[in-house]
Amino acid sequence: MPDRILGPNDECRCHLGLWLERQKTKYSIPSKIDRLHHELHQMLRDAHSLSLNSEDADSIGRRLMALNEQLMAQLYQWIRDRG
């Protein structure tokens, strides 16, 4: 795992978190983006602490990918709407 992913408040220190923090000086960040970002980090922390068999790992991997896709879609929409 890269640095700034699994720590207790790493959603504030990861690359996306830092970028979002800079955006907050100019724009209001939609709460759904913030929620999805925090949820993604929490899911990664939870998964990292488990001993997973391959089936569980595949399931969690699919859930992580789906959550990440939701986050990216929300970010894309927000950026596009800002013009």
N, C-alpha and C. Protein backbone atom coordinates (compact mmCIF):
# COMPACT_ATOMS: atom_id res chain seq x y z
N MET A 1 0.83 -1.18 0.00
CA MET A 1 0.00 0.00 0.00
C MET A 1 0.88 1.25 0.00
N PRO A 2 0.48 2.22 -0.78
CA PRO A 2 1.24 3.48 -0.77
C PRO A 2 1.12 4.18 0.58
N ASP A 3 2.05 5.08 0.85
CA ASP A 3 1.97 5.90 2.06
C ASP A 3 0.69 6.72 2.01
N ARG A 4 0.24 7.15 3.17
CA ARG A 4 -0.92 8.03 3.32
C ARG A 4 -2.22 7.39 2.86
N ILE A 5 -2.38 6.09 3.12
CA ILE A 5 -3.61 5.41 2.74
C ILE A 5 -4.29 4.79 3.95
N LEU A 6 -3.53 4.14 4.82
CA LEU A 6 -4.12 3.30 5.87
C LEU A 6 -4.15 3.90 7.26
N GLY A 7 -3.53 5.05 7.44
CA GLY A 7 -3.51 5.67 8.77
C GLY A 7 -4.87 6.22 9.16
N PRO A 8 -5.05 6.52 10.44
CA PRO A 8 -6.35 6.94 10.95
C PRO A 8 -6.94 8.17 10.26
N ASN A 9 -6.14 9.11 9.87
CA ASN A 9 -6.65 10.32 9.21
C ASN A 9 -6.00 10.53 7.85
N ASP A 10 -5.61 9.45 7.20
CA ASP A 10 -4.87 9.59 5.95
C ASP A 10 -5.71 10.12 4.80
N GLU A 11 -7.05 10.10 4.92
CA GLU A 11 -7.84 10.69 3.86
C GLU A 11 -7.60 12.21 3.77
N CYS A 12 -7.04 12.79 4.80
CA CYS A 12 -6.67 14.21 4.78
C CYS A 12 -5.25 14.42 4.25
N ARG A 13 -4.47 13.32 4.15
CA ARG A 13 -3.07 13.45 3.76
C ARG A 13 -2.74 12.76 2.44
N CYS A 14 -3.67 11.99 1.87
CA CYS A 14 -3.40 11.35 0.59
C CYS A 14 -3.42 12.40 -0.52
N HIS A 15 -3.04 12.03 -1.71
CA HIS A 15 -2.98 13.00 -2.82
C HIS A 15 -4.34 13.62 -3.09
N LEU A 16 -5.38 12.80 -3.12
CA LEU A 16 -6.72 13.34 -3.36
C LEU A 16 -7.15 14.23 -2.21
N GLY A 17 -6.90 13.80 -1.00
CA GLY A 17 -7.27 14.61 0.17
C GLY A 17 -6.59 15.97 0.17
N LEU A 18 -5.33 16.00 -0.18
CA LEU A 18 -4.60 17.28 -0.25
C LEU A 18 -5.16 18.17 -1.36
N TRP A 19 -5.48 17.56 -2.51
CA TRP A 19 -6.05 18.31 -3.62
C TRP A 19 -7.42 18.88 -3.23
N LEU A 20 -8.26 18.04 -2.60
CA LEU A 20 -9.57 18.51 -2.17
C LEU A 20 -9.44 19.65 -1.17
N GLU A 21 -8.49 19.55 -0.28
CA GLU A 21 -8.28 20.61 0.71
C GLU A 21 -7.93 21.93 0.02
N ARG A 22 -7.10 21.88 -1.01
CA ARG A 22 -6.77 23.10 -1.77
C ARG A 22 -8.01 23.65 -2.48
N GLN A 23 -8.87 22.77 -2.96
CA GLN A 23 -10.08 23.21 -3.67
C GLN A 23 -11.05 23.91 -2.73
N LYS A 24 -11.03 23.51 -1.46
CA LYS A 24 -11.96 24.09 -0.48
C LYS A 24 -11.74 25.58 -0.28
N THR A 25 -10.57 26.08 -0.64
CA THR A 25 -10.33 27.52 -0.51
C THR A 25 -11.11 28.29 -1.57
N LYS A 26 -11.52 27.61 -2.66
CA LYS A 26 -12.24 28.28 -3.75
C LYS A 26 -13.65 27.78 -3.95
N TYR A 27 -13.90 26.51 -3.62
CA TYR A 27 -15.17 25.87 -3.94
C TYR A 27 -15.71 25.10 -2.75
N SER A 28 -16.99 24.86 -2.80
CA SER A 28 -17.62 23.99 -1.82
C SER A 28 -17.56 22.56 -2.36
N ILE A 29 -16.98 21.66 -1.59
CA ILE A 29 -16.86 20.26 -2.00
C ILE A 29 -18.19 19.57 -1.69
N PRO A 30 -18.78 18.90 -2.69
CA PRO A 30 -20.02 18.17 -2.41
C PRO A 30 -19.82 17.12 -1.31
N SER A 31 -20.79 17.02 -0.42
CA SER A 31 -20.66 16.10 0.71
C SER A 31 -20.54 14.65 0.24
N LYS A 32 -21.13 14.31 -0.90
CA LYS A 32 -21.04 12.93 -1.40
C LYS A 32 -19.59 12.58 -1.74
N ILE A 33 -18.85 13.52 -2.30
CA ILE A 33 -17.43 13.28 -2.62
C ILE A 33 -16.65 13.05 -1.34
N ASP A 34 -16.86 13.90 -0.38
CA ASP A 34 -16.17 13.76 0.91
C ASP A 34 -16.51 12.42 1.55
N ARG A 35 -17.78 12.05 1.54
CA ARG A 35 -18.22 10.79 2.16
C ARG A 35 -17.61 9.59 1.46
N LEU A 36 -17.65 9.58 0.12
CA LEU A 36 -17.09 8.45 -0.64
C LEU A 36 -15.58 8.33 -0.41
N HIS A 37 -14.90 9.45 -0.34
CA HIS A 37 -13.45 9.45 -0.10
C HIS A 37 -13.12 8.85 1.26
N HIS A 38 -13.85 9.28 2.29
CA HIS A 38 -13.63 8.73 3.63
C HIS A 38 -14.00 7.24 3.67
N GLU A 39 -15.09 6.88 3.02
CA GLU A 39 -15.53 5.48 3.00
C GLU A 39 -14.50 4.58 2.32
N LEU A 40 -13.90 5.06 1.25
CA LEU A 40 -12.87 4.30 0.55
C LEU A 40 -11.67 4.04 1.46
N HIS A 41 -11.22 5.06 2.15
CA HIS A 41 -10.10 4.88 3.08
C HIS A 41 -10.46 3.90 4.20
N GLN A 42 -11.67 4.03 4.73
CA GLN A 42 -12.08 3.13 5.81
C GLN A 42 -12.14 1.69 5.32
N MET A 43 -12.66 1.48 4.13
CA MET A 43 -12.74 0.13 3.58
C MET A 43 -11.33 -0.45 3.39
N LEU A 44 -10.39 0.37 2.94
CA LEU A 44 -9.01 -0.08 2.79
C LEU A 44 -8.39 -0.44 4.13
N ARG A 45 -8.63 0.40 5.15
CA ARG A 45 -8.11 0.10 6.49
C ARG A 45 -8.69 -1.21 7.01
N ASP A 46 -10.00 -1.38 6.85
CA ASP A 46 -10.65 -2.60 7.33
C ASP A 46 -10.11 -3.83 6.60
N ALA A 47 -9.98 -3.76 5.29
CA ALA A 47 -9.50 -4.89 4.50
C ALA A 47 -8.05 -5.23 4.84
N HIS A 48 -7.25 -4.22 5.09
CA HIS A 48 -5.83 -4.43 5.37
C HIS A 48 -5.63 -5.20 6.68
N SER A 49 -6.56 -5.05 7.60
CA SER A 49 -6.40 -5.70 8.90
C SER A 49 -6.95 -7.13 8.93
N LEU A 50 -7.54 -7.58 7.85
CA LEU A 50 -8.13 -8.92 7.80
C LEU A 50 -7.18 -9.93 7.17
N SER A 51 -7.30 -11.16 7.57
CA SER A 51 -6.65 -12.26 6.86
C SER A 51 -7.67 -12.79 5.86
N LEU A 52 -7.43 -12.59 4.61
CA LEU A 52 -8.43 -12.90 3.59
C LEU A 52 -8.04 -14.11 2.76
N ASN A 53 -9.04 -14.94 2.48
CA ASN A 53 -8.81 -15.97 1.47
C ASN A 53 -9.05 -15.32 0.11
N SER A 54 -8.75 -16.01 -0.95
CA SER A 54 -8.82 -15.39 -2.28
C SER A 54 -10.24 -14.96 -2.64
N GLU A 55 -11.24 -15.71 -2.19
CA GLU A 55 -12.63 -15.34 -2.50
C GLU A 55 -13.01 -14.04 -1.81
N ASP A 56 -12.65 -13.92 -0.52
CA ASP A 56 -12.92 -12.68 0.21
C ASP A 56 -12.16 -11.51 -0.39
N ALA A 57 -10.91 -11.75 -0.75
CA ALA A 57 -10.09 -10.70 -1.34
C ALA A 57 -10.70 -10.23 -2.67
N ASP A 58 -11.18 -11.17 -3.48
CA ASP A 58 -11.82 -10.80 -4.74
C ASP A 58 -13.07 -9.96 -4.49
N SER A 59 -13.87 -10.37 -3.51
CA SER A 59 -15.09 -9.64 -3.19
C SER A 59 -14.78 -8.22 -2.71
N ILE A 60 -13.84 -8.10 -1.81
CA ILE A 60 -13.45 -6.78 -1.30
C ILE A 60 -12.84 -5.95 -2.43
N GLY A 61 -12.04 -6.57 -3.26
CA GLY A 61 -11.46 -5.86 -4.40
C GLY A 61 -12.53 -5.30 -5.33
N ARG A 62 -13.56 -6.09 -5.60
CA ARG A 62 -14.66 -5.60 -6.44
C ARG A 62 -15.40 -4.45 -5.77
N ARG A 63 -15.62 -4.56 -4.46
CA ARG A 63 -16.29 -3.48 -3.73
C ARG A 63 -15.45 -2.20 -3.72
N LEU A 64 -14.14 -2.37 -3.54
CA LEU A 64 -13.25 -1.21 -3.57
C LEU A 64 -13.26 -0.54 -4.95
N MET A 65 -13.22 -1.35 -6.00
CA MET A 65 -13.24 -0.80 -7.36
C MET A 65 -14.56 -0.07 -7.62
N ALA A 66 -15.68 -0.65 -7.18
CA ALA A 66 -16.98 -0.01 -7.39
C ALA A 66 -17.06 1.32 -6.64
N LEU A 67 -16.57 1.33 -5.41
CA LEU A 67 -16.57 2.56 -4.62
C LEU A 67 -15.68 3.61 -5.26
N ASN A 68 -14.52 3.19 -5.72
CA ASN A 68 -13.61 4.12 -6.38
C ASN A 68 -14.24 4.67 -7.66
N GLU A 69 -14.93 3.84 -8.41
CA GLU A 69 -15.59 4.32 -9.62
C GLU A 69 -16.67 5.34 -9.29
N GLN A 70 -17.42 5.11 -8.21
CA GLN A 70 -18.42 6.09 -7.78
C GLN A 70 -17.77 7.42 -7.42
N LEU A 71 -16.67 7.35 -6.69
CA LEU A 71 -15.95 8.56 -6.30
C LEU A 71 -15.44 9.29 -7.52
N MET A 72 -14.84 8.58 -8.45
CA MET A 72 -14.31 9.22 -9.66
C MET A 72 -15.43 9.84 -10.50
N ALA A 73 -16.57 9.18 -10.58
CA ALA A 73 -17.70 9.73 -11.34
C ALA A 73 -18.21 11.01 -10.68
N GLN A 74 -18.29 11.02 -9.35
CA GLN A 74 -18.72 12.22 -8.64
C GLN A 74 -17.72 13.37 -8.83
N LEU A 75 -16.43 13.05 -8.76
CA LEU A 75 -15.40 14.07 -8.97
C LEU A 75 -15.48 14.63 -10.39
N TYR A 76 -15.62 13.76 -11.37
CA TYR A 76 -15.71 14.18 -12.77
C TYR A 76 -16.91 15.10 -12.95
N GLN A 77 -18.06 14.72 -12.41
CA GLN A 77 -19.27 15.53 -12.55
C GLN A 77 -19.10 16.88 -11.89
N TRP A 78 -18.53 16.89 -10.69
CA TRP A 78 -18.32 18.14 -9.96
C TRP A 78 -17.38 19.07 -10.72
N ILE A 79 -16.29 18.53 -11.24
CA ILE A 79 -15.33 19.35 -11.99
C ILE A 79 -15.99 19.88 -13.26
N ARG A 80 -16.73 19.01 -13.95
CA ARG A 80 -17.40 19.42 -15.18
C ARG A 80 -18.44 20.50 -14.90
N ASP A 81 -19.19 20.36 -13.84
CA ASP A 81 -20.22 21.34 -13.50
C ASP A 81 -19.65 22.70 -13.11
N ARG A 82 -18.43 22.70 -12.59
CA ARG A 82 -17.80 23.98 -12.21
C ARG A 82 -17.45 24.81 -13.43
N GLY A 83 -17.29 24.12 -14.57
CA GLY A 83 -17.01 24.80 -15.83
C GLY A 83 -15.60 25.19 -15.94
